[in-house]
Structure formats: C-alpha cells, structure tokens
Amino acid sequence: MSLRSGAAAPGLDPVSAWTPLLDGLERVLARAAQAGVATGLEPESGMLIERRDDFETLVRRLGDPPGLGLTLDLGHCAAVEPVSVEASVRRSAGRLVHVHAKEMLRRGAALSS
C-alpha cells in the first residue's frame, strides 16, 4: 500500500499537523501489519512529508517502525531533492517498497534539445 501524508489543514501550523499524522500512521501501520501488507509513504510536493529528510524525521518520531517503508518517486527526487536521483535511491535503499519512474525537471531547469 502506498500513501501520502497530506497537507497541513488550512490555518494549522505544520508543527501541530504532525500530531494527527503520527497518530493516524500508528493506527494504519498496526492494521497493515495484522493484514501482512507492506506500507510505503511517498514524499510529495506540497504535503507535510515533502522530501526524503521529512520522511526520515517521520521515521524517527514514530520510533523507527519496521512496517513503514518508502515509496520513492524518481521524478520528485529530480525536482526537489538537494542531491542527485542516484544519491536519493542509494540513501533510500533500505526502506524502499515501491518506486515510481517518470521524467521531471528540477525547478528552474529547462529542456535541452
């Protein structure tokens, strides 16, 4: 199963938005474990968990749950991560449960002919 964190509710500061995210993910991970379902969270632009660093913070705050994997979108890596796509994949290898592959440009980059 792949999921995203969602964005912080309007008017809710990002710090306060972590509480329902953590509570909800703990419940989802418990049910997924009972059902034997792998769970991968995908960092997504505009969401509370937007980059790989945010995912690592989430893992730490949840106490490094074994059932929480990473859905890595290579296009998002190219667009928003501070390191190369290859470095993002290597850094994520131990947590990967799913990979999306599509072409995206880093913000501000232009297509070459």
PDB file of N, CA and C in Angstrom:
ATOM      1  N   MET A   1       0.853  -1.158   0.000  1.00  0.00           N
ATOM      2  CA  MET A   1       0.000   0.000   0.000  1.00  0.00           C
ATOM      3  C   MET A   1       0.901   1.224   0.000  1.00  0.00           C
ATOM      4  N   SER A   2       0.553   2.185  -0.821  1.00  0.00           N
ATOM      5  CA  SER A   2       1.302   3.432  -0.873  1.00  0.00           C
ATOM      6  C   SER A   2       0.384   4.569  -0.447  1.00  0.00           C
ATOM      7  N   LEU A   3       0.908   5.484   0.339  1.00  0.00           N
ATOM      8  CA  LEU A   3       0.103   6.611   0.806  1.00  0.00           C
ATOM      9  C   LEU A   3       0.960   7.855   0.918  1.00  0.00           C
ATOM     10  N   ARG A   4       0.292   8.978   1.086  1.00  0.00           N
ATOM     11  CA  ARG A   4       0.964  10.270   1.280  1.00  0.00           C
ATOM     12  C   ARG A   4       0.499  10.849   2.603  1.00  0.00           C
ATOM     13  N   SER A   5       1.240  11.820   3.087  1.00  0.00           N
ATOM     14  CA  SER A   5       0.916  12.408   4.391  1.00  0.00           C
ATOM     15  C   SER A   5      -0.267  13.358   4.333  1.00  0.00           C
ATOM     16  N   GLY A   6      -0.524  13.938   3.183  1.00  0.00           N
ATOM     17  CA  GLY A   6      -1.499  15.017   3.088  1.00  0.00           C
ATOM     18  C   GLY A   6      -0.854  16.323   3.509  1.00  0.00           C
ATOM     19  N   ALA A   7      -1.519  17.390   3.214  1.00  0.00           N
ATOM     20  CA  ALA A   7      -1.022  18.723   3.582  1.00  0.00           C
ATOM     21  C   ALA A   7      -1.584  19.107   4.943  1.00  0.00           C
ATOM     22  N   ALA A   8      -0.935  20.060   5.572  1.00  0.00           N
ATOM     23  CA  ALA A   8      -1.473  20.590   6.832  1.00  0.00           C
ATOM     24  C   ALA A   8      -2.811  21.266   6.545  1.00  0.00           C
ATOM     25  N   ALA A   9      -3.766  21.071   7.430  1.00  0.00           N
ATOM     26  CA  ALA A   9      -5.082  21.703   7.274  1.00  0.00           C
ATOM     27  C   ALA A   9      -4.924  23.224   7.264  1.00  0.00           C
ATOM     28  N   PRO A  10      -5.765  23.924   6.518  1.00  0.00           N
ATOM     29  CA  PRO A  10      -5.694  25.390   6.492  1.00  0.00           C
ATOM     30  C   PRO A  10      -5.753  25.967   7.910  1.00  0.00           C
ATOM     31  N   GLY A  11      -4.845  26.879   8.191  1.00  0.00           N
ATOM     32  CA  GLY A  11      -4.806  27.524   9.492  1.00  0.00           C
ATOM     33  C   GLY A  11      -4.047  26.739  10.550  1.00  0.00           C
ATOM     34  N   LEU A  12      -3.656  25.506  10.242  1.00  0.00           N
ATOM     35  CA  LEU A  12      -2.912  24.679  11.195  1.00  0.00           C
ATOM     36  C   LEU A  12      -1.434  24.763  10.853  1.00  0.00           C
ATOM     37  N   ASP A  13      -0.623  25.116  11.826  1.00  0.00           N
ATOM     38  CA  ASP A  13       0.800  25.221  11.553  1.00  0.00           C
ATOM     39  C   ASP A  13       1.374  23.812  11.349  1.00  0.00           C
ATOM     40  N   PRO A  14       2.429  23.691  10.543  1.00  0.00           N
ATOM     41  CA  PRO A  14       2.998  22.375  10.245  1.00  0.00           C
ATOM     42  C   PRO A  14       3.420  21.589  11.490  1.00  0.00           C
ATOM     43  N   VAL A  15       3.900  22.255  12.526  1.00  0.00           N
ATOM     44  CA  VAL A  15       4.307  21.552  13.744  1.00  0.00           C
ATOM     45  C   VAL A  15       3.112  20.854  14.372  1.00  0.00           C
ATOM     46  N   SER A  16       1.979  21.550  14.474  1.00  0.00           N
ATOM     47  CA  SER A  16       0.770  20.952  15.041  1.00  0.00           C
ATOM     48  C   SER A  16       0.194  19.866  14.139  1.00  0.00           C
ATOM     49  N   ALA A  17       0.442  19.953  12.842  1.00  0.00           N
ATOM     50  CA  ALA A  17      -0.088  18.970  11.899  1.00  0.00           C
ATOM     51  C   ALA A  17       0.562  17.603  12.083  1.00  0.00           C
ATOM     52  N   TRP A  18       1.726  17.558  12.712  1.00  0.00           N
ATOM     53  CA  TRP A  18       2.404  16.276  12.915  1.00  0.00           C
ATOM     54  C   TRP A  18       1.622  15.355  13.852  1.00  0.00           C
ATOM     55  N   THR A  19       0.921  15.890  14.824  1.00  0.00           N
ATOM     56  CA  THR A  19       0.225  15.051  15.806  1.00  0.00           C
ATOM     57  C   THR A  19      -0.796  14.127  15.148  1.00  0.00           C
ATOM     58  N   PRO A  20      -1.736  14.640  14.349  1.00  0.00           N
ATOM     59  CA  PRO A  20      -2.676  13.707  13.717  1.00  0.00           C
ATOM     60  C   PRO A  20      -2.000  12.769  12.713  1.00  0.00           C
ATOM     61  N   LEU A  21      -0.941  13.233  12.064  1.00  0.00           N
ATOM     62  CA  LEU A  21      -0.211  12.368  11.138  1.00  0.00           C
ATOM     63  C   LEU A  21       0.400  11.184  11.876  1.00  0.00           C
ATOM     64  N   LEU A  22       1.080  11.461  12.980  1.00  0.00           N
ATOM     65  CA  LEU A  22       1.709  10.399  13.758  1.00  0.00           C
ATOM     66  C   LEU A  22       0.672   9.432  14.316  1.00  0.00           C
ATOM     67  N   ASP A  23      -0.400   9.964  14.885  1.00  0.00           N
ATOM     68  CA  ASP A  23      -1.461   9.119  15.436  1.00  0.00           C
ATOM     69  C   ASP A  23      -2.086   8.244  14.352  1.00  0.00           C
ATOM     70  N   GLY A  24      -2.409   8.851  13.235  1.00  0.00           N
ATOM     71  CA  GLY A  24      -3.042   8.109  12.148  1.00  0.00           C
ATOM     72  C   GLY A  24      -2.136   7.039  11.568  1.00  0.00           C
ATOM     73  N   LEU A  25      -0.867   7.365  11.377  1.00  0.00           N
ATOM     74  CA  LEU A  25       0.063   6.380  10.820  1.00  0.00           C
ATOM     75  C   LEU A  25       0.298   5.216  11.768  1.00  0.00           C
ATOM     76  N   GLU A  26       0.326   5.474  13.048  1.00  0.00           N
ATOM     77  CA  GLU A  26       0.477   4.368  14.003  1.00  0.00           C
ATOM     78  C   GLU A  26      -0.676   3.383  13.849  1.00  0.00           C
ATOM     79  N   ARG A  27      -1.892   3.886  13.694  1.00  0.00           N
ATOM     80  CA  ARG A  27      -3.055   3.010  13.517  1.00  0.00           C
ATOM     81  C   ARG A  27      -2.994   2.272  12.176  1.00  0.00           C
ATOM     82  N   VAL A  28      -2.639   2.983  11.123  1.00  0.00           N
ATOM     83  CA  VAL A  28      -2.541   2.366   9.795  1.00  0.00           C
ATOM     84  C   VAL A  28      -1.477   1.275   9.795  1.00  0.00           C
ATOM     85  N   LEU A  29      -0.333   1.550  10.377  1.00  0.00           N
ATOM     86  CA  LEU A  29       0.754   0.561  10.391  1.00  0.00           C
ATOM     87  C   LEU A  29       0.378  -0.671  11.204  1.00  0.00           C
ATOM     88  N   ALA A  30      -0.344  -0.479  12.294  1.00  0.00           N
ATOM     89  CA  ALA A  30      -0.779  -1.630  13.104  1.00  0.00           C
ATOM     90  C   ALA A  30      -1.726  -2.509  12.296  1.00  0.00           C
ATOM     91  N   ARG A  31      -2.698  -1.906  11.611  1.00  0.00           N
ATOM     92  CA  ARG A  31      -3.646  -2.688  10.803  1.00  0.00           C
ATOM     93  C   ARG A  31      -2.953  -3.347   9.619  1.00  0.00           C
ATOM     94  N   ALA A  32      -2.035  -2.638   8.994  1.00  0.00           N
ATOM     95  CA  ALA A  32      -1.306  -3.200   7.860  1.00  0.00           C
ATOM     96  C   ALA A  32      -0.473  -4.399   8.307  1.00  0.00           C
ATOM     97  N   ALA A  33       0.147  -4.301   9.468  1.00  0.00           N
ATOM     98  CA  ALA A  33       0.942  -5.416   9.990  1.00  0.00           C
ATOM     99  C   ALA A  33       0.051  -6.633  10.235  1.00  0.00           C
ATOM    100  N   GLN A  34      -1.125  -6.422  10.795  1.00  0.00           N
ATOM    101  CA  GLN A  34      -2.067  -7.527  11.026  1.00  0.00           C
ATOM    102  C   GLN A  34      -2.461  -8.205   9.722  1.00  0.00           C
ATOM    103  N   ALA A  35      -2.595  -7.418   8.667  1.00  0.00           N
ATOM    104  CA  ALA A  35      -3.016  -7.941   7.370  1.00  0.00           C
ATOM    105  C   ALA A  35      -1.846  -8.410   6.511  1.00  0.00           C
ATOM    106  N   GLY A  36      -0.615  -8.189   6.979  1.00  0.00           N
ATOM    107  CA  GLY A  36       0.561  -8.575   6.205  1.00  0.00           C
ATOM    108  C   GLY A  36       0.787  -7.720   4.974  1.00  0.00           C
ATOM    109  N   VAL A  37       0.405  -6.452   5.069  1.00  0.00           N
ATOM    110  CA  VAL A  37       0.509  -5.526   3.939  1.00  0.00           C
ATOM    111  C   VAL A  37       1.698  -4.592   4.140  1.00  0.00           C
ATOM    112  N   ALA A  38       2.545  -4.499   3.127  1.00  0.00           N
ATOM    113  CA  ALA A  38       3.661  -3.552   3.156  1.00  0.00           C
ATOM    114  C   ALA A  38       3.114  -2.141   2.955  1.00  0.00           C
ATOM    115  N   THR A  39       3.660  -1.181   3.678  1.00  0.00           N
ATOM    116  CA  THR A  39       3.210   0.207   3.607  1.00  0.00           C
ATOM    117  C   THR A  39       4.370   1.103   3.194  1.00  0.00           C
ATOM    118  N   GLY A  40       4.164   1.881   2.148  1.00  0.00           N
ATOM    119  CA  GLY A  40       5.176   2.823   1.693  1.00  0.00           C
ATOM    120  C   GLY A  40       4.617   4.222   1.661  1.00  0.00           C
ATOM    121  N   LEU A  41       5.249   5.142   2.362  1.00  0.00           N
ATOM    122  CA  LEU A  41       4.833   6.543   2.354  1.00  0.00           C
ATOM    123  C   LEU A  41       5.627   7.266   1.276  1.00  0.00           C
ATOM    124  N   GLU A  42       4.932   8.036   0.467  1.00  0.00           N
ATOM    125  CA  GLU A  42       5.580   8.772  -0.615  1.00  0.00           C
ATOM    126  C   GLU A  42       5.683  10.253  -0.275  1.00  0.00           C
ATOM    127  N   PRO A  43       6.911  10.783  -0.145  1.00  0.00           N
ATOM    128  CA  PRO A  43       7.064  12.230  -0.019  1.00  0.00           C
ATOM    129  C   PRO A  43       6.538  12.897  -1.293  1.00  0.00           C
ATOM    130  N   GLU A  44       5.802  13.979  -1.124  1.00  0.00           N
ATOM    131  CA  GLU A  44       5.151  14.624  -2.266  1.00  0.00           C
ATOM    132  C   GLU A  44       5.166  16.136  -2.063  1.00  0.00           C
ATOM    133  N   SER A  45       5.458  16.868  -3.121  1.00  0.00           N
ATOM    134  CA  SER A  45       5.472  18.335  -3.050  1.00  0.00           C
ATOM    135  C   SER A  45       4.150  18.855  -2.522  1.00  0.00           C
ATOM    136  N   GLY A  46       4.218  19.808  -1.597  1.00  0.00           N
ATOM    137  CA  GLY A  46       3.038  20.428  -1.029  1.00  0.00           C
ATOM    138  C   GLY A  46       2.431  19.669   0.135  1.00  0.00           C
ATOM    139  N   MET A  47       2.961  18.501   0.422  1.00  0.00           N
ATOM    140  CA  MET A  47       2.460  17.686   1.526  1.00  0.00           C
ATOM    141  C   MET A  47       3.317  17.938   2.769  1.00  0.00           C
ATOM    142  N   LEU A  48       2.821  17.492   3.903  1.00  0.00           N
ATOM    143  CA  LEU A  48       3.581  17.632   5.140  1.00  0.00           C
ATOM    144  C   LEU A  48       4.920  16.896   5.028  1.00  0.00           C
ATOM    145  N   ILE A  49       4.884  15.702   4.474  1.00  0.00           N
ATOM    146  CA  ILE A  49       6.125  14.960   4.189  1.00  0.00           C
ATOM    147  C   ILE A  49       6.418  15.185   2.712  1.00  0.00           C
ATOM    148  N   GLU A  50       7.298  16.148   2.460  1.00  0.00           N
ATOM    149  CA  GLU A  50       7.543  16.624   1.102  1.00  0.00           C
ATOM    150  C   GLU A  50       8.836  16.072   0.502  1.00  0.00           C
ATOM    151  N   ARG A  51       9.842  15.856   1.357  1.00  0.00           N
ATOM    152  CA  ARG A  51      11.159  15.414   0.885  1.00  0.00           C
ATOM    153  C   ARG A  51      11.638  14.240   1.718  1.00  0.00           C
ATOM    154  N   ARG A  52      12.715  13.635   1.275  1.00  0.00           N
ATOM    155  CA  ARG A  52      13.290  12.476   1.948  1.00  0.00           C
ATOM    156  C   ARG A  52      13.670  12.811   3.387  1.00  0.00           C
ATOM    157  N   ASP A  53      14.175  13.999   3.649  1.00  0.00           N
ATOM    158  CA  ASP A  53      14.514  14.416   5.018  1.00  0.00           C
ATOM    159  C   ASP A  53      13.280  14.420   5.920  1.00  0.00           C
ATOM    160  N   ASP A  54      12.139  14.845   5.390  1.00  0.00           N
ATOM    161  CA  ASP A  54      10.888  14.827   6.158  1.00  0.00           C
ATOM    162  C   ASP A  54      10.504  13.389   6.501  1.00  0.00           C
ATOM    163  N   PHE A  55      10.693  12.477   5.546  1.00  0.00           N
ATOM    164  CA  PHE A  55      10.396  11.065   5.788  1.00  0.00           C
ATOM    165  C   PHE A  55      11.275  10.533   6.919  1.00  0.00           C
ATOM    166  N   GLU A  56      12.545  10.869   6.904  1.00  0.00           N
ATOM    167  CA  GLU A  56      13.450  10.407   7.965  1.00  0.00           C
ATOM    168  C   GLU A  56      13.026  10.958   9.330  1.00  0.00           C
ATOM    169  N   THR A  57      12.577  12.199   9.364  1.00  0.00           N
ATOM    170  CA  THR A  57      12.059  12.776  10.614  1.00  0.00           C
ATOM    171  C   THR A  57      10.845  11.993  11.079  1.00  0.00           C
ATOM    172  N   LEU A  58       9.950  11.678  10.170  1.00  0.00           N
ATOM    173  CA  LEU A  58       8.768  10.890  10.497  1.00  0.00           C
ATOM    174  C   LEU A  58       9.152   9.528  11.079  1.00  0.00           C
ATOM    175  N   VAL A  59      10.072   8.845  10.441  1.00  0.00           N
ATOM    176  CA  VAL A  59      10.523   7.527  10.921  1.00  0.00           C
ATOM    177  C   VAL A  59      11.058   7.639  12.346  1.00  0.00           C
ATOM    178  N   ARG A  60      11.879   8.645  12.599  1.00  0.00           N
ATOM    179  CA  ARG A  60      12.424   8.842  13.957  1.00  0.00           C
ATOM    180  C   ARG A  60      11.313   9.119  14.962  1.00  0.00           C
ATOM    181  N   ARG A  61      10.388   9.986  14.596  1.00  0.00           N
ATOM    182  CA  ARG A  61       9.309  10.357  15.530  1.00  0.00           C
ATOM    183  C   ARG A  61       8.378   9.192  15.832  1.00  0.00           C
ATOM    184  N   LEU A  62       8.265   8.248  14.896  1.00  0.00           N
ATOM    185  CA  LEU A  62       7.442   7.060  15.119  1.00  0.00           C
ATOM    186  C   LEU A  62       8.222   5.929  15.810  1.00  0.00           C
ATOM    187  N   GLY A  63       9.504   6.158  16.077  1.00  0.00           N
ATOM    188  CA  GLY A  63      10.308   5.131  16.735  1.00  0.00           C
ATOM    189  C   GLY A  63      10.820   4.061  15.785  1.00  0.00           C
ATOM    190  N   ASP A  64      11.037   4.414  14.530  1.00  0.00           N
ATOM    191  CA  ASP A  64      11.592   3.524  13.517  1.00  0.00           C
ATOM    192  C   ASP A  64      10.776   2.242  13.345  1.00  0.00           C
ATOM    193  N   PRO A  65       9.491   2.386  13.006  1.00  0.00           N
ATOM    194  CA  PRO A  65       8.642   1.194  12.876  1.00  0.00           C
ATOM    195  C   PRO A  65       9.069   0.327  11.695  1.00  0.00           C
ATOM    196  N   PRO A  66       9.180  -0.980  11.892  1.00  0.00           N
ATOM    197  CA  PRO A  66       9.622  -1.860  10.810  1.00  0.00           C
ATOM    198  C   PRO A  66       8.634  -1.915   9.642  1.00  0.00           C
ATOM    199  N   GLY A  67       7.373  -1.615   9.869  1.00  0.00           N
ATOM    200  CA  GLY A  67       6.372  -1.698   8.816  1.00  0.00           C
ATOM    201  C   GLY A  67       6.268  -0.486   7.925  1.00  0.00           C
ATOM    202  N   LEU A  68       7.052   0.548   8.197  1.00  0.00           N
ATOM    203  CA  LEU A  68       6.963   1.768   7.386  1.00  0.00           C
ATOM    204  C   LEU A  68       8.095   1.806   6.373  1.00  0.00           C
ATOM    205  N   GLY A  69       7.715   1.648   5.109  1.00  0.00           N
ATOM    206  CA  GLY A  69       8.675   1.737   4.025  1.00  0.00           C
ATOM    207  C   GLY A  69       8.503   3.042   3.274  1.00  0.00           C
ATOM    208  N   LEU A  70       9.254   3.166   2.212  1.00  0.00           N
ATOM    209  CA  LEU A  70       9.282   4.392   1.422  1.00  0.00           C
ATOM    210  C   LEU A  70       8.845   4.098  -0.009  1.00  0.00           C
ATOM    211  N   THR A  71       7.914   4.881  -0.505  1.00  0.00           N
ATOM    212  CA  THR A  71       7.600   4.904  -1.932  1.00  0.00           C
ATOM    213  C   THR A  71       8.375   6.091  -2.482  1.00  0.00           C
ATOM    214  N   LEU A  72       9.297   5.814  -3.368  1.00  0.00           N
ATOM    215  CA  LEU A  72      10.183   6.863  -3.889  1.00  0.00           C
ATOM    216  C   LEU A  72       9.811   7.163  -5.333  1.00  0.00           C
ATOM    217  N   ASP A  73       9.492   8.412  -5.596  1.00  0.00           N
ATOM    218  CA  ASP A  73       9.179   8.872  -6.947  1.00  0.00           C
ATOM    219  C   ASP A  73      10.442   9.524  -7.508  1.00  0.00           C
ATOM    220  N   LEU A  74      11.034   8.890  -8.523  1.00  0.00           N
ATOM    221  CA  LEU A  74      12.296   9.386  -9.071  1.00  0.00           C
ATOM    222  C   LEU A  74      12.151  10.775  -9.678  1.00  0.00           C
ATOM    223  N   GLY A  75      10.992  11.064 -10.231  1.00  0.00           N
ATOM    224  CA  GLY A  75      10.758  12.403 -10.776  1.00  0.00           C
ATOM    225  C   GLY A  75      10.753  13.455  -9.692  1.00  0.00           C
ATOM    226  N   HIS A  76      10.156  13.123  -8.536  1.00  0.00           N
ATOM    227  CA  HIS A  76      10.177  14.069  -7.421  1.00  0.00           C
ATOM    228  C   HIS A  76      11.608  14.268  -6.926  1.00  0.00           C
ATOM    229  N   CYS A  77      12.379  13.192  -6.906  1.00  0.00           N
ATOM    230  CA  CYS A  77      13.785  13.320  -6.493  1.00  0.00           C
ATOM    231  C   CYS A  77      14.508  14.322  -7.394  1.00  0.00           C
ATOM    232  N   ALA A  78      14.291  14.181  -8.698  1.00  0.00           N
ATOM    233  CA  ALA A  78      14.941  15.090  -9.650  1.00  0.00           C
ATOM    234  C   ALA A  78      14.480  16.525  -9.453  1.00  0.00           C
ATOM    235  N   ALA A  79      13.220  16.697  -9.070  1.00  0.00           N
ATOM    236  CA  ALA A  79      12.647  18.039  -8.978  1.00  0.00           C
ATOM    237  C   ALA A  79      12.940  18.745  -7.666  1.00  0.00           C
ATOM    238  N   VAL A  80      12.956  18.022  -6.530  1.00  0.00           N
ATOM    239  CA  VAL A  80      13.005  18.734  -5.253  1.00  0.00           C
ATOM    240  C   VAL A  80      14.106  18.299  -4.284  1.00  0.00           C
ATOM    241  N   GLU A  81      14.717  17.150  -4.501  1.00  0.00           N
ATOM    242  CA  GLU A  81      15.744  16.725  -3.543  1.00  0.00           C
ATOM    243  C   GLU A  81      17.043  17.481  -3.786  1.00  0.00           C
ATOM    244  N   PRO A  82      17.813  17.751  -2.734  1.00  0.00           N
ATOM    245  CA  PRO A  82      19.055  18.517  -2.887  1.00  0.00           C
ATOM    246  C   PRO A  82      20.213  17.692  -3.455  1.00  0.00           C
ATOM    247  N   VAL A  83      20.020  16.382  -3.612  1.00  0.00           N
ATOM    248  CA  VAL A  83      21.068  15.504  -4.158  1.00  0.00           C
ATOM    249  C   VAL A  83      20.557  14.869  -5.445  1.00  0.00           C
ATOM    250  N   SER A  84      21.423  14.174  -6.149  1.00  0.00           N
ATOM    251  CA  SER A  84      21.045  13.541  -7.409  1.00  0.00           C
ATOM    252  C   SER A  84      20.027  12.423  -7.183  1.00  0.00           C
ATOM    253  N   VAL A  85      19.371  12.020  -8.250  1.00  0.00           N
ATOM    254  CA  VAL A  85      18.424  10.903  -8.173  1.00  0.00           C
ATOM    255  C   VAL A  85      19.151   9.656  -7.696  1.00  0.00           C
ATOM    256  N   GLU A  86      20.330   9.393  -8.256  1.00  0.00           N
ATOM    257  CA  GLU A  86      21.103   8.219  -7.850  1.00  0.00           C
ATOM    258  C   GLU A  86      21.409   8.252  -6.351  1.00  0.00           C
ATOM    259  N   ALA A  87      21.819   9.396  -5.847  1.00  0.00           N
ATOM    260  CA  ALA A  87      22.111   9.518  -4.409  1.00  0.00           C
ATOM    261  C   ALA A  87      20.842   9.320  -3.583  1.00  0.00           C
ATOM    262  N   SER A  88      19.713   9.813  -4.066  1.00  0.00           N
ATOM    263  CA  SER A  88      18.443   9.615  -3.359  1.00  0.00           C
ATOM    264  C   SER A  88      18.089   8.140  -3.274  1.00  0.00           C
ATOM    265  N   VAL A  89      18.270   7.420  -4.373  1.00  0.00           N
ATOM    266  CA  VAL A  89      17.963   5.982  -4.390  1.00  0.00           C
ATOM    267  C   VAL A  89      18.901   5.243  -3.443  1.00  0.00           C
ATOM    268  N   ARG A  90      20.177   5.531  -3.507  1.00  0.00           N
ATOM    269  CA  ARG A  90      21.137   4.852  -2.611  1.00  0.00           C
ATOM    270  C   ARG A  90      20.795   5.130  -1.148  1.00  0.00           C
ATOM    271  N   ARG A  91      20.464   6.358  -0.841  1.00  0.00           N
ATOM    272  CA  ARG A  91      20.132   6.751   0.527  1.00  0.00           C
ATOM    273  C   ARG A  91      18.861   6.057   1.006  1.00  0.00           C
ATOM    274  N   SER A  92      17.975   5.741   0.091  1.00  0.00           N
ATOM    275  CA  SER A  92      16.671   5.176   0.425  1.00  0.00           C
ATOM    276  C   SER A  92      16.619   3.652   0.355  1.00  0.00           C
ATOM    277  N   ALA A  93      17.641   3.029  -0.147  1.00  0.00           N
ATOM    278  CA  ALA A  93      17.600   1.605  -0.494  1.00  0.00           C
ATOM    279  C   ALA A  93      17.071   0.709   0.620  1.00  0.00           C
ATOM    280  N   GLY A  94      17.419   0.953   1.849  1.00  0.00           N
ATOM    281  CA  GLY A  94      16.990   0.095   2.952  1.00  0.00           C
ATOM    282  C   GLY A  94      15.521   0.190   3.302  1.00  0.00           C
ATOM    283  N   ARG A  95      14.835   1.204   2.808  1.00  0.00           N
ATOM    284  CA  ARG A  95      13.424   1.418   3.140  1.00  0.00           C
ATOM    285  C   ARG A  95      12.492   1.287   1.942  1.00  0.00           C
ATOM    286  N   LEU A  96      13.022   1.112   0.739  1.00  0.00           N
ATOM    287  CA  LEU A  96      12.181   1.121  -0.458  1.00  0.00           C
ATOM    288  C   LEU A  96      11.203  -0.046  -0.490  1.00  0.00           C
ATOM    289  N   VAL A  97       9.941   0.282  -0.750  1.00  0.00           N
ATOM    290  CA  VAL A  97       8.928  -0.748  -1.000  1.00  0.00           C
ATOM    291  C   VAL A  97       8.298  -0.565  -2.374  1.00  0.00           C
ATOM    292  N   HIS A  98       8.462   0.622  -2.951  1.00  0.00           N
ATOM    293  CA  HIS A  98       7.894   0.907  -4.264  1.00  0.00           C
ATOM    294  C   HIS A  98       8.645   2.086  -4.873  1.00  0.00           C
ATOM    295  N   VAL A  99       8.803   2.054  -6.206  1.00  0.00           N
ATOM    296  CA  VAL A  99       9.468   3.148  -6.913  1.00  0.00           C
ATOM    297  C   VAL A  99       8.593   3.575  -8.079  1.00  0.00           C
ATOM    298  N   HIS A 100       8.414   4.893  -8.233  1.00  0.00           N
ATOM    299  CA  HIS A 100       7.737   5.464  -9.404  1.00  0.00           C
ATOM    300  C   HIS A 100       8.838   6.029 -10.297  1.00  0.00           C
ATOM    301  N   ALA A 101       8.760   5.733 -11.573  1.00  0.00           N
ATOM    302  CA  ALA A 101       9.742   6.267 -12.514  1.00  0.00           C
ATOM    303  C   ALA A 101       9.013   7.104 -13.565  1.00  0.00           C
ATOM    304  N   LYS A 102       9.360   8.373 -13.620  1.00  0.00           N
ATOM    305  CA  LYS A 102       8.822   9.274 -14.647  1.00  0.00           C
ATOM    306  C   LYS A 102       9.825  10.400 -14.821  1.00  0.00           C
ATOM    307  N   GLU A 103       9.688  11.129 -15.883  1.00  0.00           N
ATOM    308  CA  GLU A 103      10.624  12.207 -16.174  1.00  0.00           C
ATOM    309  C   GLU A 103      10.106  13.518 -15.609  1.00  0.00           C
ATOM    310  N   MET A 104      10.940  14.194 -14.837  1.00  0.00           N
ATOM    311  CA  MET A 104      10.621  15.523 -14.311  1.00  0.00           C
ATOM    312  C   MET A 104      11.897  16.336 -14.313  1.00  0.00           C
ATOM    313  N   LEU A 105      11.740  17.637 -14.379  1.00  0.00           N
ATOM    314  CA  LEU A 105      12.883  18.542 -14.327  1.00  0.00           C
ATOM    315  C   LEU A 105      12.968  19.201 -12.968  1.00  0.00           C
ATOM    316  N   ARG A 106      14.200  19.495 -12.544  1.00  0.00           N
ATOM    317  CA  ARG A 106      14.410  20.258 -11.326  1.00  0.00           C
ATOM    318  C   ARG A 106      13.803  21.636 -11.534  1.00  0.00           C
ATOM    319  N   ARG A 107      13.235  22.197 -10.482  1.00  0.00           N
ATOM    320  CA  ARG A 107      12.634  23.524 -10.577  1.00  0.00           C
ATOM    321  C   ARG A 107      13.625  24.504 -11.195  1.00  0.00           C
ATOM    322  N   GLY A 108      13.168  25.225 -12.194  1.00  0.00           N
ATOM    323  CA  GLY A 108      14.004  26.225 -12.853  1.00  0.00           C
ATOM    324  C   GLY A 108      14.835  25.669 -13.991  1.00  0.00           C
ATOM    325  N   ALA A 109      14.836  24.333 -14.181  1.00  0.00           N
ATOM    326  CA  ALA A 109      15.618  23.738 -15.261  1.00  0.00           C
ATOM    327  C   ALA A 109      14.840  23.835 -16.570  1.00  0.00           C
ATOM    328  N   ALA A 110      15.555  23.922 -17.653  1.00  0.00           N
ATOM    329  CA  ALA A 110      14.910  23.992 -18.974  1.00  0.00           C
ATOM    330  C   ALA A 110      15.209  22.714 -19.755  1.00  0.00           C
ATOM    331  N   LEU A 111      14.317  22.367 -20.653  1.00  0.00           N
ATOM    332  CA  LEU A 111      14.545  21.230 -21.536  1.00  0.00           C
ATOM    333  C   LEU A 111      15.661  21.572 -22.508  1.00  0.00           C
ATOM    334  N   SER A 112      16.535  20.603 -22.744  1.00  0.00           N
ATOM    335  CA  SER A 112      17.577  20.823 -23.746  1.00  0.00           C
ATOM    336  C   SER A 112      17.175  20.099 -25.017  1.00  0.00           C
ATOM    337  N   SER A 113      17.643  20.592 -26.141  1.00  0.00           N
ATOM    338  CA  SER A 113      17.266  19.953 -27.403  1.00  0.00           C
ATOM    339  C   SER A 113      18.319  19.006 -27.901  1.00  0.00           C
TER     340      SER A 113
END
